[in-house]
């Protein structure tokens, strides 16, 4: 940039300050520019319509992912419930098939040892 001259001032041109050595001594540092001025390549900028389209696609993708996760969660829950029911049914069948001895004399219970009491079940 050139220094101002008296001719420039008479013509009404704005003053330009000459570019000198920076006070900090860091000559490799350039003056800062706005980001909009730096990115001058059009392919790096996407149009508003394209941005909207990409956002819409992302939204749809998230909805689809959510549906898939819900479906997987539902199947897992169903599987867990079936296993639980099967286990319950098996226990009930085992209890039905067991040979049981009914204790009619309650005084016997009082005479029993701890180990025997642990084996007793109430039904």
PDB file of N, CA and C in Angstrom:
ATOM      1  N   UNK A   1       0.840  -1.170   0.000  1.00  0.00           N
ATOM      2  CA  UNK A   1       0.000   0.000   0.000  1.00  0.00           C
ATOM      3  C   UNK A   1       0.894   1.245   0.000  1.00  0.00           C
ATOM      4  N   UNK A   2       0.503   2.208  -0.757  1.00  0.00           N
ATOM      5  CA  UNK A   2       1.336   3.404  -0.935  1.00  0.00           C
ATOM      6  C   UNK A   2       1.000   4.465   0.107  1.00  0.00           C
ATOM      7  N   UNK A   3       1.973   5.309   0.369  1.00  0.00           N
ATOM      8  CA  UNK A   3       1.768   6.412   1.304  1.00  0.00           C
ATOM      9  C   UNK A   3       0.883   7.469   0.644  1.00  0.00           C
ATOM     10  N   UNK A   4       0.214   8.247   1.464  1.00  0.00           N
ATOM     11  CA  UNK A   4      -0.681   9.270   0.914  1.00  0.00           C
ATOM     12  C   UNK A   4       0.124  10.434   0.346  1.00  0.00           C
ATOM     13  N   UNK A   5      -0.446  11.012  -0.653  1.00  0.00           N
ATOM     14  CA  UNK A   5       0.193  12.191  -1.254  1.00  0.00           C
ATOM     15  C   UNK A   5      -0.775  13.343  -1.169  1.00  0.00           C
ATOM     16  N   UNK A   6      -0.282  14.535  -1.424  1.00  0.00           N
ATOM     17  CA  UNK A   6      -1.147  15.715  -1.376  1.00  0.00           C
ATOM     18  C   UNK A   6      -2.183  15.650  -2.492  1.00  0.00           C
ATOM     19  N   UNK A   7      -1.828  15.003  -3.601  1.00  0.00           N
ATOM     20  CA  UNK A   7      -2.753  14.879  -4.734  1.00  0.00           C
ATOM     21  C   UNK A   7      -3.950  14.008  -4.330  1.00  0.00           C
ATOM     22  N   UNK A   8      -3.703  12.917  -3.572  1.00  0.00           N
ATOM     23  CA  UNK A   8      -4.776  12.028  -3.123  1.00  0.00           C
ATOM     24  C   UNK A   8      -5.743  12.770  -2.206  1.00  0.00           C
ATOM     25  N   UNK A   9      -5.199  13.599  -1.339  1.00  0.00           N
ATOM     26  CA  UNK A   9      -6.025  14.338  -0.386  1.00  0.00           C
ATOM     27  C   UNK A   9      -6.919  15.327  -1.122  1.00  0.00           C
ATOM     28  N   UNK A  10      -6.380  16.016  -2.152  1.00  0.00           N
ATOM     29  CA  UNK A  10      -7.176  16.986  -2.916  1.00  0.00           C
ATOM     30  C   UNK A  10      -8.306  16.307  -3.675  1.00  0.00           C
ATOM     31  N   UNK A  11      -8.051  15.099  -4.168  1.00  0.00           N
ATOM     32  CA  UNK A  11      -9.070  14.387  -4.959  1.00  0.00           C
ATOM     33  C   UNK A  11     -10.163  13.779  -4.083  1.00  0.00           C
ATOM     34  N   UNK A  12      -9.971  13.786  -2.784  1.00  0.00           N
ATOM     35  CA  UNK A  12     -11.009  13.266  -1.875  1.00  0.00           C
ATOM     36  C   UNK A  12     -10.868  11.779  -1.610  1.00  0.00           C
ATOM     37  N   UNK A  13      -9.731  11.195  -1.955  1.00  0.00           N
ATOM     38  CA  UNK A  13      -9.521   9.777  -1.677  1.00  0.00           C
ATOM     39  C   UNK A  13      -9.204   9.596  -0.190  1.00  0.00           C
ATOM     40  N   UNK A  14      -9.626   8.483   0.387  1.00  0.00           N
ATOM     41  CA  UNK A  14      -9.333   8.264   1.813  1.00  0.00           C
ATOM     42  C   UNK A  14      -7.838   8.052   2.035  1.00  0.00           C
ATOM     43  N   UNK A  15      -7.390   8.418   3.231  1.00  0.00           N
ATOM     44  CA  UNK A  15      -5.979   8.251   3.563  1.00  0.00           C
ATOM     45  C   UNK A  15      -5.656   6.769   3.697  1.00  0.00           C
ATOM     46  N   UNK A  16      -4.500   6.381   3.192  1.00  0.00           N
ATOM     47  CA  UNK A  16      -4.049   5.011   3.387  1.00  0.00           C
ATOM     48  C   UNK A  16      -2.779   5.048   4.212  1.00  0.00           C
ATOM     49  N   UNK A  17      -2.757   4.259   5.236  1.00  0.00           N
ATOM     50  CA  UNK A  17      -1.603   4.214   6.126  1.00  0.00           C
ATOM     51  C   UNK A  17      -0.609   3.216   5.553  1.00  0.00           C
ATOM     52  N   UNK A  18       0.642   3.587   5.469  1.00  0.00           N
ATOM     53  CA  UNK A  18       1.617   2.669   4.896  1.00  0.00           C
ATOM     54  C   UNK A  18       1.815   1.440   5.785  1.00  0.00           C
ATOM     55  N   UNK A  19       2.025   0.334   5.125  1.00  0.00           N
ATOM     56  CA  UNK A  19       2.190  -0.931   5.828  1.00  0.00           C
ATOM     57  C   UNK A  19       3.647  -1.045   6.242  1.00  0.00           C
ATOM     58  N   UNK A  20       3.923  -0.990   7.530  1.00  0.00           N
ATOM     59  CA  UNK A  20       5.298  -1.076   8.013  1.00  0.00           C
ATOM     60  C   UNK A  20       5.539  -2.383   8.741  1.00  0.00           C
ATOM     61  N   UNK A  21       6.617  -2.427   9.441  1.00  0.00           N
ATOM     62  CA  UNK A  21       6.971  -3.614  10.214  1.00  0.00           C
ATOM     63  C   UNK A  21       6.114  -3.633  11.492  1.00  0.00           C
ATOM     64  N   UNK A  22       5.522  -4.774  11.839  1.00  0.00           N
ATOM     65  CA  UNK A  22       4.696  -4.838  13.049  1.00  0.00           C
ATOM     66  C   UNK A  22       5.519  -4.554  14.297  1.00  0.00           C
ATOM     67  N   UNK A  23       4.883  -3.965  15.279  1.00  0.00           N
ATOM     68  CA  UNK A  23       5.561  -3.588  16.516  1.00  0.00           C
ATOM     69  C   UNK A  23       6.093  -4.829  17.243  1.00  0.00           C
ATOM     70  N   UNK A  24       5.314  -5.930  17.164  1.00  0.00           N
ATOM     71  CA  UNK A  24       5.717  -7.151  17.851  1.00  0.00           C
ATOM     72  C   UNK A  24       6.929  -7.806  17.198  1.00  0.00           C
ATOM     73  N   UNK A  25       7.202  -7.436  15.945  1.00  0.00           N
ATOM     74  CA  UNK A  25       8.330  -8.029  15.245  1.00  0.00           C
ATOM     75  C   UNK A  25       7.963  -9.306  14.501  1.00  0.00           C
ATOM     76  N   UNK A  26       6.720  -9.700  14.593  1.00  0.00           N
ATOM     77  CA  UNK A  26       6.281 -10.927  13.909  1.00  0.00           C
ATOM     78  C   UNK A  26       5.840 -10.575  12.502  1.00  0.00           C
ATOM     79  N   UNK A  27       6.798 -10.549  11.600  1.00  0.00           N
ATOM     80  CA  UNK A  27       6.517 -10.103  10.235  1.00  0.00           C
ATOM     81  C   UNK A  27       5.749 -11.146   9.435  1.00  0.00           C
ATOM     82  N   UNK A  28       5.779 -12.387   9.884  1.00  0.00           N
ATOM     83  CA  UNK A  28       5.088 -13.444   9.151  1.00  0.00           C
ATOM     84  C   UNK A  28       3.590 -13.430   9.394  1.00  0.00           C
ATOM     85  N   UNK A  29       3.157 -12.679  10.418  1.00  0.00           N
ATOM     86  CA  UNK A  29       1.731 -12.623  10.709  1.00  0.00           C
ATOM     87  C   UNK A  29       1.073 -11.600   9.798  1.00  0.00           C
ATOM     88  N   UNK A  30      -0.019 -12.033   9.162  1.00  0.00           N
ATOM     89  CA  UNK A  30      -0.724 -11.118   8.264  1.00  0.00           C
ATOM     90  C   UNK A  30      -1.899 -10.489   8.999  1.00  0.00           C
ATOM     91  N   UNK A  31      -2.474  -9.471   8.384  1.00  0.00           N
ATOM     92  CA  UNK A  31      -3.636  -8.832   9.005  1.00  0.00           C
ATOM     93  C   UNK A  31      -4.819  -9.794   8.950  1.00  0.00           C
ATOM     94  N   UNK A  32      -5.653  -9.705   9.948  1.00  0.00           N
ATOM     95  CA  UNK A  32      -6.786 -10.627  10.043  1.00  0.00           C
ATOM     96  C   UNK A  32      -7.869 -10.226   9.053  1.00  0.00           C
ATOM     97  N   UNK A  33      -8.476 -11.251   8.459  1.00  0.00           N
ATOM     98  CA  UNK A  33      -9.580 -11.017   7.524  1.00  0.00           C
ATOM     99  C   UNK A  33     -10.810 -11.737   8.039  1.00  0.00           C
ATOM    100  N   UNK A  34     -11.958 -11.311   7.567  1.00  0.00           N
ATOM    101  CA  UNK A  34     -13.198 -11.979   7.927  1.00  0.00           C
ATOM    102  C   UNK A  34     -13.247 -13.343   7.249  1.00  0.00           C
ATOM    103  N   UNK A  35     -13.949 -14.261   7.889  1.00  0.00           N
ATOM    104  CA  UNK A  35     -14.040 -15.614   7.351  1.00  0.00           C
ATOM    105  C   UNK A  35     -14.712 -15.613   5.980  1.00  0.00           C
ATOM    106  N   UNK A  36     -15.705 -14.743   5.824  1.00  0.00           N
ATOM    107  CA  UNK A  36     -16.418 -14.679   4.546  1.00  0.00           C
ATOM    108  C   UNK A  36     -15.482 -14.228   3.421  1.00  0.00           C
ATOM    109  N   UNK A  37     -14.491 -13.416   3.743  1.00  0.00           N
ATOM    110  CA  UNK A  37     -13.554 -12.943   2.735  1.00  0.00           C
ATOM    111  C   UNK A  37     -12.513 -14.014   2.418  1.00  0.00           C
ATOM    112  N   UNK A  38     -12.170 -14.802   3.423  1.00  0.00           N
ATOM    113  CA  UNK A  38     -11.156 -15.833   3.236  1.00  0.00           C
ATOM    114  C   UNK A  38     -11.689 -16.966   2.367  1.00  0.00           C
ATOM    115  N   UNK A  39     -12.903 -17.454   2.673  1.00  0.00           N
ATOM    116  CA  UNK A  39     -13.474 -18.555   1.898  1.00  0.00           C
ATOM    117  C   UNK A  39     -14.164 -17.961   0.676  1.00  0.00           C
ATOM    118  N   UNK A  40     -13.464 -17.963  -0.406  1.00  0.00           N
ATOM    119  CA  UNK A  40     -14.025 -17.389  -1.627  1.00  0.00           C
ATOM    120  C   UNK A  40     -14.379 -18.447  -2.648  1.00  0.00           C
ATOM    121  N   UNK A  41     -14.198 -19.709  -2.294  1.00  0.00           N
ATOM    122  CA  UNK A  41     -14.472 -20.791  -3.231  1.00  0.00           C
ATOM    123  C   UNK A  41     -15.932 -21.202  -3.071  1.00  0.00           C
ATOM    124  N   UNK A  42     -16.653 -21.207  -4.163  1.00  0.00           N
ATOM    125  CA  UNK A  42     -18.085 -21.509  -4.105  1.00  0.00           C
ATOM    126  C   UNK A  42     -18.401 -22.960  -3.746  1.00  0.00           C
ATOM    127  N   UNK A  43     -17.650 -23.951  -4.202  1.00  0.00           N
ATOM    128  CA  UNK A  43     -17.993 -25.319  -3.823  1.00  0.00           C
ATOM    129  C   UNK A  43     -17.967 -25.561  -2.316  1.00  0.00           C
ATOM    130  N   UNK A  44     -17.236 -24.751  -1.577  1.00  0.00           N
ATOM    131  CA  UNK A  44     -17.202 -24.908  -0.135  1.00  0.00           C
ATOM    132  C   UNK A  44     -18.487 -24.391   0.514  1.00  0.00           C
ATOM    133  N   UNK A  45     -19.191 -23.536  -0.163  1.00  0.00           N
ATOM    134  CA  UNK A  45     -20.464 -23.025   0.343  1.00  0.00           C
ATOM    135  C   UNK A  45     -21.589 -23.885  -0.227  1.00  0.00           C
ATOM    136  N   UNK A  46     -22.524 -24.274   0.644  1.00  0.00           N
ATOM    137  CA  UNK A  46     -23.693 -25.009   0.149  1.00  0.00           C
ATOM    138  C   UNK A  46     -24.885 -24.075   0.151  1.00  0.00           C
ATOM    139  N   UNK A  47     -25.756 -24.293  -0.770  1.00  0.00           N
ATOM    140  CA  UNK A  47     -26.930 -23.420  -0.870  1.00  0.00           C
ATOM    141  C   UNK A  47     -27.906 -23.738   0.267  1.00  0.00           C
ATOM    142  N   UNK A  48     -28.783 -22.783   0.541  1.00  0.00           N
ATOM    143  CA  UNK A  48     -29.756 -22.944   1.616  1.00  0.00           C
ATOM    144  C   UNK A  48     -30.667 -24.140   1.355  1.00  0.00           C
ATOM    145  N   UNK A  49     -31.082 -24.288   0.117  1.00  0.00           N
ATOM    146  CA  UNK A  49     -31.955 -25.411  -0.243  1.00  0.00           C
ATOM    147  C   UNK A  49     -31.278 -26.744   0.011  1.00  0.00           C
ATOM    148  N   UNK A  50     -30.010 -26.813  -0.350  1.00  0.00           N
ATOM    149  CA  UNK A  50     -29.234 -28.054  -0.150  1.00  0.00           C
ATOM    150  C   UNK A  50     -29.091 -28.337   1.354  1.00  0.00           C
ATOM    151  N   UNK A  51     -28.844 -27.288   2.133  1.00  0.00           N
ATOM    152  CA  UNK A  51     -28.718 -27.465   3.583  1.00  0.00           C
ATOM    153  C   UNK A  51     -30.018 -28.005   4.172  1.00  0.00           C
ATOM    154  N   UNK A  52     -31.126 -27.442   3.724  1.00  0.00           N
ATOM    155  CA  UNK A  52     -32.433 -27.888   4.203  1.00  0.00           C
ATOM    156  C   UNK A  52     -32.660 -29.354   3.841  1.00  0.00           C
ATOM    157  N   UNK A  53     -32.263 -29.709   2.629  1.00  0.00           N
ATOM    158  CA  UNK A  53     -32.432 -31.083   2.149  1.00  0.00           C
ATOM    159  C   UNK A  53     -31.605 -32.051   3.012  1.00  0.00           C
ATOM    160  N   UNK A  54     -30.377 -31.678   3.308  1.00  0.00           N
ATOM    161  CA  UNK A  54     -29.499 -32.512   4.134  1.00  0.00           C
ATOM    162  C   UNK A  54     -30.089 -32.661   5.531  1.00  0.00           C
ATOM    163  N   UNK A  55     -30.599 -31.559   6.092  1.00  0.00           N
ATOM    164  CA  UNK A  55     -31.204 -31.602   7.429  1.00  0.00           C
ATOM    165  C   UNK A  55     -32.411 -32.540   7.447  1.00  0.00           C
ATOM    166  N   UNK A  56     -33.212 -32.461   6.390  1.00  0.00           N
ATOM    167  CA  UNK A  56     -34.402 -33.311   6.294  1.00  0.00           C
ATOM    168  C   UNK A  56     -33.997 -34.783   6.238  1.00  0.00           C
ATOM    169  N   UNK A  57     -32.963 -35.078   5.447  1.00  0.00           N
ATOM    170  CA  UNK A  57     -32.482 -36.452   5.343  1.00  0.00           C
ATOM    171  C   UNK A  57     -31.976 -36.954   6.695  1.00  0.00           C
ATOM    172  N   UNK A  58     -31.260 -36.092   7.415  1.00  0.00           N
ATOM    173  CA  UNK A  58     -30.746 -36.477   8.734  1.00  0.00           C
ATOM    174  C   UNK A  58     -31.891 -36.751   9.707  1.00  0.00           C
ATOM    175  N   UNK A  59     -32.936 -35.911   9.645  1.00  0.00           N
ATOM    176  CA  UNK A  59     -34.102 -36.112  10.506  1.00  0.00           C
ATOM    177  C   UNK A  59     -34.761 -37.462  10.221  1.00  0.00           C
ATOM    178  N   UNK A  60     -34.950 -37.735   8.915  1.00  0.00           N
ATOM    179  CA  UNK A  60     -35.566 -39.000   8.526  1.00  0.00           C
ATOM    180  C   UNK A  60     -34.716 -40.189   8.978  1.00  0.00           C
ATOM    181  N   UNK A  61     -33.405 -40.034   8.869  1.00  0.00           N
ATOM    182  CA  UNK A  61     -32.496 -41.099   9.281  1.00  0.00           C
ATOM    183  C   UNK A  61     -32.617 -41.352  10.779  1.00  0.00           C
ATOM    184  N   UNK A  62     -32.707 -40.266  11.562  1.00  0.00           N
ATOM    185  CA  UNK A  62     -32.840 -40.412  13.010  1.00  0.00           C
ATOM    186  C   UNK A  62     -34.154 -41.105  13.370  1.00  0.00           C
ATOM    187  N   UNK A  63     -35.226 -40.738  12.671  1.00  0.00           N
ATOM    188  CA  UNK A  63     -36.530 -41.359  12.915  1.00  0.00           C
ATOM    189  C   UNK A  63     -36.449 -42.855  12.608  1.00  0.00           C
ATOM    190  N   UNK A  64     -35.805 -43.186  11.496  1.00  0.00           N
ATOM    191  CA  UNK A  64     -35.662 -44.593  11.085  1.00  0.00           C
ATOM    192  C   UNK A  64     -34.836 -45.368  12.111  1.00  0.00           C
ATOM    193  N   UNK A  65     -33.738 -44.761  12.586  1.00  0.00           N
ATOM    194  CA  UNK A  65     -32.892 -45.395  13.609  1.00  0.00           C
ATOM    195  C   UNK A  65     -33.692 -45.639  14.886  1.00  0.00           C
ATOM    196  N   UNK A  66     -34.495 -44.638  15.258  1.00  0.00           N
ATOM    197  CA  UNK A  66     -35.304 -44.750  16.468  1.00  0.00           C
ATOM    198  C   UNK A  66     -36.302 -45.909  16.342  1.00  0.00           C
ATOM    199  N   UNK A  67     -36.923 -46.026  15.165  1.00  0.00           N
ATOM    200  CA  UNK A  67     -37.869 -47.118  14.930  1.00  0.00           C
ATOM    201  C   UNK A  67     -37.177 -48.470  15.047  1.00  0.00           C
ATOM    202  N   UNK A  68     -35.987 -48.583  14.451  1.00  0.00           N
ATOM    203  CA  UNK A  68     -35.236 -49.836  14.520  1.00  0.00           C
ATOM    204  C   UNK A  68     -34.889 -50.191  15.965  1.00  0.00           C
ATOM    205  N   UNK A  69     -34.449 -49.183  16.724  1.00  0.00           N
ATOM    206  CA  UNK A  69     -34.093 -49.420  18.125  1.00  0.00           C
ATOM    207  C   UNK A  69     -35.317 -49.852  18.929  1.00  0.00           C
ATOM    208  N   UNK A  70     -36.453 -49.192  18.675  1.00  0.00           N
ATOM    209  CA  UNK A  70     -37.690 -49.543  19.375  1.00  0.00           C
ATOM    210  C   UNK A  70     -38.082 -50.988  19.071  1.00  0.00           C
ATOM    211  N   UNK A  71     -37.973 -51.365  17.792  1.00  0.00           N
ATOM    212  CA  UNK A  71     -38.325 -52.721  17.367  1.00  0.00           C
ATOM    213  C   UNK A  71     -37.422 -53.740  18.061  1.00  0.00           C
ATOM    214  N   UNK A  72     -36.120 -53.462  18.089  1.00  0.00           N
ATOM    215  CA  UNK A  72     -35.164 -54.372  18.738  1.00  0.00           C
ATOM    216  C   UNK A  72     -35.459 -54.479  20.234  1.00  0.00           C
ATOM    217  N   UNK A  73     -35.780 -53.341  20.845  1.00  0.00           N
ATOM    218  CA  UNK A  73     -36.093 -53.307  22.278  1.00  0.00           C
ATOM    219  C   UNK A  73     -37.352 -54.132  22.568  1.00  0.00           C
ATOM    220  N   UNK A  74     -38.351 -53.988  21.681  1.00  0.00           N
ATOM    221  CA  UNK A  74     -39.607 -54.717  21.844  1.00  0.00           C
ATOM    222  C   UNK A  74     -39.369 -56.228  21.746  1.00  0.00           C
ATOM    223  N   UNK A  75     -38.559 -56.627  20.762  1.00  0.00           N
ATOM    224  CA  UNK A  75     -38.263 -58.052  20.575  1.00  0.00           C
ATOM    225  C   UNK A  75     -37.507 -58.616  21.783  1.00  0.00           C
ATOM    226  N   UNK A  76     -36.559 -57.837  22.295  1.00  0.00           N
ATOM    227  CA  UNK A  76     -35.779 -58.263  23.452  1.00  0.00           C
ATOM    228  C   UNK A  76     -36.683 -58.438  24.668  1.00  0.00           C
ATOM    229  N   UNK A  77     -37.587 -57.491  24.863  1.00  0.00           N
ATOM    230  CA  UNK A  77     -38.533 -57.542  25.987  1.00  0.00           C
ATOM    231  C   UNK A  77     -39.443 -58.761  25.870  1.00  0.00           C
ATOM    232  N   UNK A  78     -39.913 -59.016  24.654  1.00  0.00           N
ATOM    233  CA  UNK A  78     -40.791 -60.167  24.388  1.00  0.00           C
ATOM    234  C   UNK A  78     -40.055 -61.474  24.700  1.00  0.00           C
ATOM    235  N   UNK A  79     -38.808 -61.555  24.254  1.00  0.00           N
ATOM    236  CA  UNK A  79     -37.993 -62.750  24.488  1.00  0.00           C
ATOM    237  C   UNK A  79     -37.796 -62.975  25.990  1.00  0.00           C
ATOM    238  N   UNK A  80     -37.485 -61.889  26.711  1.00  0.00           N
ATOM    239  CA  UNK A  80     -37.275 -61.968  28.153  1.00  0.00           C
ATOM    240  C   UNK A  80     -38.545 -62.430  28.871  1.00  0.00           C
ATOM    241  N   UNK A  81     -39.679 -61.904  28.426  1.00  0.00           N
ATOM    242  CA  UNK A  81     -40.967 -62.263  29.033  1.00  0.00           C
ATOM    243  C   UNK A  81     -41.284 -63.743  28.816  1.00  0.00           C
ATOM    244  N   UNK A  82     -41.006 -64.232  27.596  1.00  0.00           N
ATOM    245  CA  UNK A  82     -41.261 -65.643  27.289  1.00  0.00           C
ATOM    246  C   UNK A  82     -40.384 -66.562  28.144  1.00  0.00           C
ATOM    247  N   UNK A  83     -39.116 -66.175  28.305  1.00  0.00           N
ATOM    248  CA  UNK A  83     -38.195 -66.979  29.126  1.00  0.00           C
ATOM    249  C   UNK A  83     -38.692 -67.024  30.572  1.00  0.00           C
ATOM    250  N   UNK A  84     -39.144 -65.873  31.054  1.00  0.00           N
ATOM    251  CA  UNK A  84     -39.659 -65.780  32.416  1.00  0.00           C
ATOM    252  C   UNK A  84     -40.882 -66.678  32.607  1.00  0.00           C
ATOM    253  N   UNK A  85     -41.801 -66.643  31.634  1.00  0.00           N
ATOM    254  CA  UNK A  85     -43.009 -67.480  31.697  1.00  0.00           C
ATOM    255  C   UNK A  85     -42.647 -68.967  31.692  1.00  0.00           C
ATOM    256  N   UNK A  86     -41.699 -69.329  30.814  1.00  0.00           N
ATOM    257  CA  UNK A  86     -41.251 -70.718  30.714  1.00  0.00           C
ATOM    258  C   UNK A  86     -40.672 -71.199  32.048  1.00  0.00           C
ATOM    259  N   UNK A  87     -39.861 -70.345  32.658  1.00  0.00           N
ATOM    260  CA  UNK A  87     -39.231 -70.671  33.933  1.00  0.00           C
ATOM    261  C   UNK A  87     -40.299 -70.867  35.022  1.00  0.00           C
ATOM    262  N   UNK A  88     -41.277 -69.986  35.029  1.00  0.00           N
ATOM    263  CA  UNK A  88     -42.363 -70.043  36.013  1.00  0.00           C
ATOM    264  C   UNK A  88     -43.165 -71.350  35.846  1.00  0.00           C
ATOM    265  N   UNK A  89     -43.478 -71.668  34.577  1.00  0.00           N
ATOM    266  CA  UNK A  89     -44.242 -72.878  34.270  1.00  0.00           C
ATOM    267  C   UNK A  89     -43.470 -74.134  34.702  1.00  0.00           C
ATOM    268  N   UNK A  90     -42.155 -74.129  34.432  1.00  0.00           N
ATOM    269  CA  UNK A  90     -41.310 -75.268  34.796  1.00  0.00           C
ATOM    270  C   UNK A  90     -41.312 -75.485  36.315  1.00  0.00           C
ATOM    271  N   UNK A  91     -41.198 -74.359  37.067  1.00  0.00           N
ATOM    272  CA  UNK A  91     -41.206 -74.454  38.531  1.00  0.00           C
ATOM    273  C   UNK A  91     -42.538 -74.998  39.045  1.00  0.00           C
ATOM    274  N   UNK A  92     -43.623 -74.515  38.453  1.00  0.00           N
ATOM    275  CA  UNK A  92     -44.958 -74.986  38.857  1.00  0.00           C
ATOM    276  C   UNK A  92     -45.100 -76.482  38.586  1.00  0.00           C
ATOM    277  N   UNK A  93     -44.642 -76.913  37.423  1.00  0.00           N
ATOM    278  CA  UNK A  93     -44.724 -78.335  37.068  1.00  0.00           C
ATOM    279  C   UNK A  93     -43.865 -79.195  38.001  1.00  0.00           C
ATOM    280  N   UNK A  94     -42.694 -78.672  38.373  1.00  0.00           N
ATOM    281  CA  UNK A  94     -41.830 -79.402  39.300  1.00  0.00           C
ATOM    282  C   UNK A  94     -42.515 -79.572  40.651  1.00  0.00           C
ATOM    283  N   UNK A  95     -43.154 -78.496  41.124  1.00  0.00           N
ATOM    284  CA  UNK A  95     -43.842 -78.552  42.412  1.00  0.00           C
ATOM    285  C   UNK A  95     -45.001 -79.549  42.359  1.00  0.00           C
ATOM    286  N   UNK A  96     -45.694 -79.604  41.216  1.00  0.00           N
ATOM    287  CA  UNK A  96     -46.831 -80.526  41.076  1.00  0.00           C
ATOM    288  C   UNK A  96     -46.365 -81.981  41.092  1.00  0.00           C
ATOM    289  N   UNK A  97     -45.193 -82.222  40.476  1.00  0.00           N
ATOM    290  CA  UNK A  97     -44.714 -83.600  40.357  1.00  0.00           C
ATOM    291  C   UNK A  97     -43.996 -84.108  41.610  1.00  0.00           C
ATOM    292  N   UNK A  98     -43.708 -83.233  42.533  1.00  0.00           N
ATOM    293  CA  UNK A  98     -42.987 -83.641  43.744  1.00  0.00           C
ATOM    294  C   UNK A  98     -43.873 -84.486  44.663  1.00  0.00           C
ATOM    295  N   UNK A  99     -43.201 -85.427  45.314  1.00  0.00           N
ATOM    296  CA  UNK A  99     -43.900 -86.238  46.308  1.00  0.00           C
ATOM    297  C   UNK A  99     -43.781 -85.501  47.641  1.00  0.00           C
ATOM    298  N   UNK A 100     -44.917 -85.233  48.255  1.00  0.00           N
ATOM    299  CA  UNK A 100     -44.939 -84.422  49.465  1.00  0.00           C
ATOM    300  C   UNK A 100     -45.485 -85.221  50.650  1.00  0.00           C
ATOM    301  N   UNK A 101     -44.946 -84.915  51.802  1.00  0.00           N
ATOM    302  CA  UNK A 101     -45.435 -85.552  53.022  1.00  0.00           C
ATOM    303  C   UNK A 101     -46.028 -84.453  53.892  1.00  0.00           C
ATOM    304  N   UNK A 102     -47.297 -84.577  54.187  1.00  0.00           N
ATOM    305  CA  UNK A 102     -47.984 -83.552  54.953  1.00  0.00           C
ATOM    306  C   UNK A 102     -47.735 -83.782  56.438  1.00  0.00           C
ATOM    307  N   UNK A 103     -47.353 -82.690  57.148  1.00  0.00           N
ATOM    308  CA  UNK A 103     -47.143 -82.770  58.594  1.00  0.00           C
ATOM    309  C   UNK A 103     -48.440 -82.334  59.258  1.00  0.00           C
ATOM    310  N   UNK A 104     -49.102 -83.330  59.890  1.00  0.00           N
ATOM    311  CA  UNK A 104     -50.372 -83.025  60.533  1.00  0.00           C
ATOM    312  C   UNK A 104     -50.156 -82.639  61.995  1.00  0.00           C
ATOM    313  N   UNK A 105     -49.125 -83.202  62.595  1.00  0.00           N
ATOM    314  CA  UNK A 105     -48.813 -82.908  63.998  1.00  0.00           C
ATOM    315  C   UNK A 105     -47.877 -81.696  64.040  1.00  0.00           C
ATOM    316  N   UNK A 106     -48.378 -80.546  64.464  1.00  0.00           N
ATOM    317  CA  UNK A 106     -47.581 -79.322  64.490  1.00  0.00           C
ATOM    318  C   UNK A 106     -46.531 -79.337  65.593  1.00  0.00           C
ATOM    319  N   UNK A 107     -46.700 -80.174  66.575  1.00  0.00           N
ATOM    320  CA  UNK A 107     -45.730 -80.273  67.670  1.00  0.00           C
ATOM    321  C   UNK A 107     -44.400 -80.817  67.152  1.00  0.00           C
ATOM    322  N   UNK A 108     -44.458 -81.602  66.060  1.00  0.00           N
ATOM    323  CA  UNK A 108     -43.249 -82.165  65.447  1.00  0.00           C
ATOM    324  C   UNK A 108     -42.315 -81.041  64.985  1.00  0.00           C
ATOM    325  N   UNK A 109     -42.901 -79.980  64.470  1.00  0.00           N
ATOM    326  CA  UNK A 109     -42.127 -78.857  63.934  1.00  0.00           C
ATOM    327  C   UNK A 109     -41.276 -78.222  65.032  1.00  0.00           C
ATOM    328  N   UNK A 110     -41.865 -78.149  66.237  1.00  0.00           N
ATOM    329  CA  UNK A 110     -41.153 -77.551  67.361  1.00  0.00           C
ATOM    330  C   UNK A 110     -39.962 -78.397  67.793  1.00  0.00           C
ATOM    331  N   UNK A 111     -40.054 -79.709  67.579  1.00  0.00           N
ATOM    332  CA  UNK A 111     -38.978 -80.616  67.982  1.00  0.00           C
ATOM    333  C   UNK A 111     -37.869 -80.711  66.931  1.00  0.00           C
ATOM    334  N   UNK A 112     -38.118 -80.216  65.714  1.00  0.00           N
ATOM    335  CA  UNK A 112     -37.159 -80.359  64.619  1.00  0.00           C
ATOM    336  C   UNK A 112     -35.918 -79.499  64.814  1.00  0.00           C
ATOM    337  N   UNK A 113     -34.832 -79.962  64.194  1.00  0.00           N
ATOM    338  CA  UNK A 113     -33.586 -79.206  64.222  1.00  0.00           C
ATOM    339  C   UNK A 113     -33.610 -78.172  63.093  1.00  0.00           C
ATOM    340  N   UNK A 114     -32.636 -77.253  63.145  1.00  0.00           N
ATOM    341  CA  UNK A 114     -32.575 -76.168  62.150  1.00  0.00           C
ATOM    342  C   UNK A 114     -32.460 -76.695  60.724  1.00  0.00           C
ATOM    343  N   UNK A 115     -31.615 -77.693  60.529  1.00  0.00           N
ATOM    344  CA  UNK A 115     -31.375 -78.248  59.188  1.00  0.00           C
ATOM    345  C   UNK A 115     -32.667 -78.829  58.601  1.00  0.00           C
ATOM    346  N   UNK A 116     -33.453 -79.484  59.453  1.00  0.00           N
ATOM    347  CA  UNK A 116     -34.730 -80.064  58.995  1.00  0.00           C
ATOM    348  C   UNK A 116     -35.739 -78.963  58.684  1.00  0.00           C
ATOM    349  N   UNK A 117     -35.724 -77.904  59.520  1.00  0.00           N
ATOM    350  CA  UNK A 117     -36.674 -76.798  59.317  1.00  0.00           C
ATOM    351  C   UNK A 117     -36.433 -76.107  57.993  1.00  0.00           C
ATOM    352  N   UNK A 118     -35.168 -76.047  57.560  1.00  0.00           N
ATOM    353  CA  UNK A 118     -34.853 -75.382  56.287  1.00  0.00           C
ATOM    354  C   UNK A 118     -35.471 -76.134  55.105  1.00  0.00           C
ATOM    355  N   UNK A 119     -35.630 -77.419  55.234  1.00  0.00           N
ATOM    356  CA  UNK A 119     -36.170 -78.235  54.130  1.00  0.00           C
ATOM    357  C   UNK A 119     -37.689 -78.179  54.041  1.00  0.00           C
ATOM    358  N   UNK A 120     -38.317 -77.707  55.082  1.00  0.00           N
ATOM    359  CA  UNK A 120     -39.795 -77.639  55.094  1.00  0.00           C
ATOM    360  C   UNK A 120     -40.274 -76.477  54.242  1.00  0.00           C
ATOM    361  N   UNK A 121     -41.316 -76.737  53.444  1.00  0.00           N
ATOM    362  CA  UNK A 121     -41.936 -75.679  52.624  1.00  0.00           C
ATOM    363  C   UNK A 121     -43.407 -75.599  52.976  1.00  0.00           C
ATOM    364  N   UNK A 122     -43.934 -74.397  53.013  1.00  0.00           N
ATOM    365  CA  UNK A 122     -45.379 -74.226  53.233  1.00  0.00           C
ATOM    366  C   UNK A 122     -46.037 -74.021  51.886  1.00  0.00           C
ATOM    367  N   UNK A 123     -47.172 -74.682  51.713  1.00  0.00           N
ATOM    368  CA  UNK A 123     -47.882 -74.552  50.440  1.00  0.00           C
ATOM    369  C   UNK A 123     -49.335 -74.230  50.697  1.00  0.00           C
TER     370      UNK A 123
END
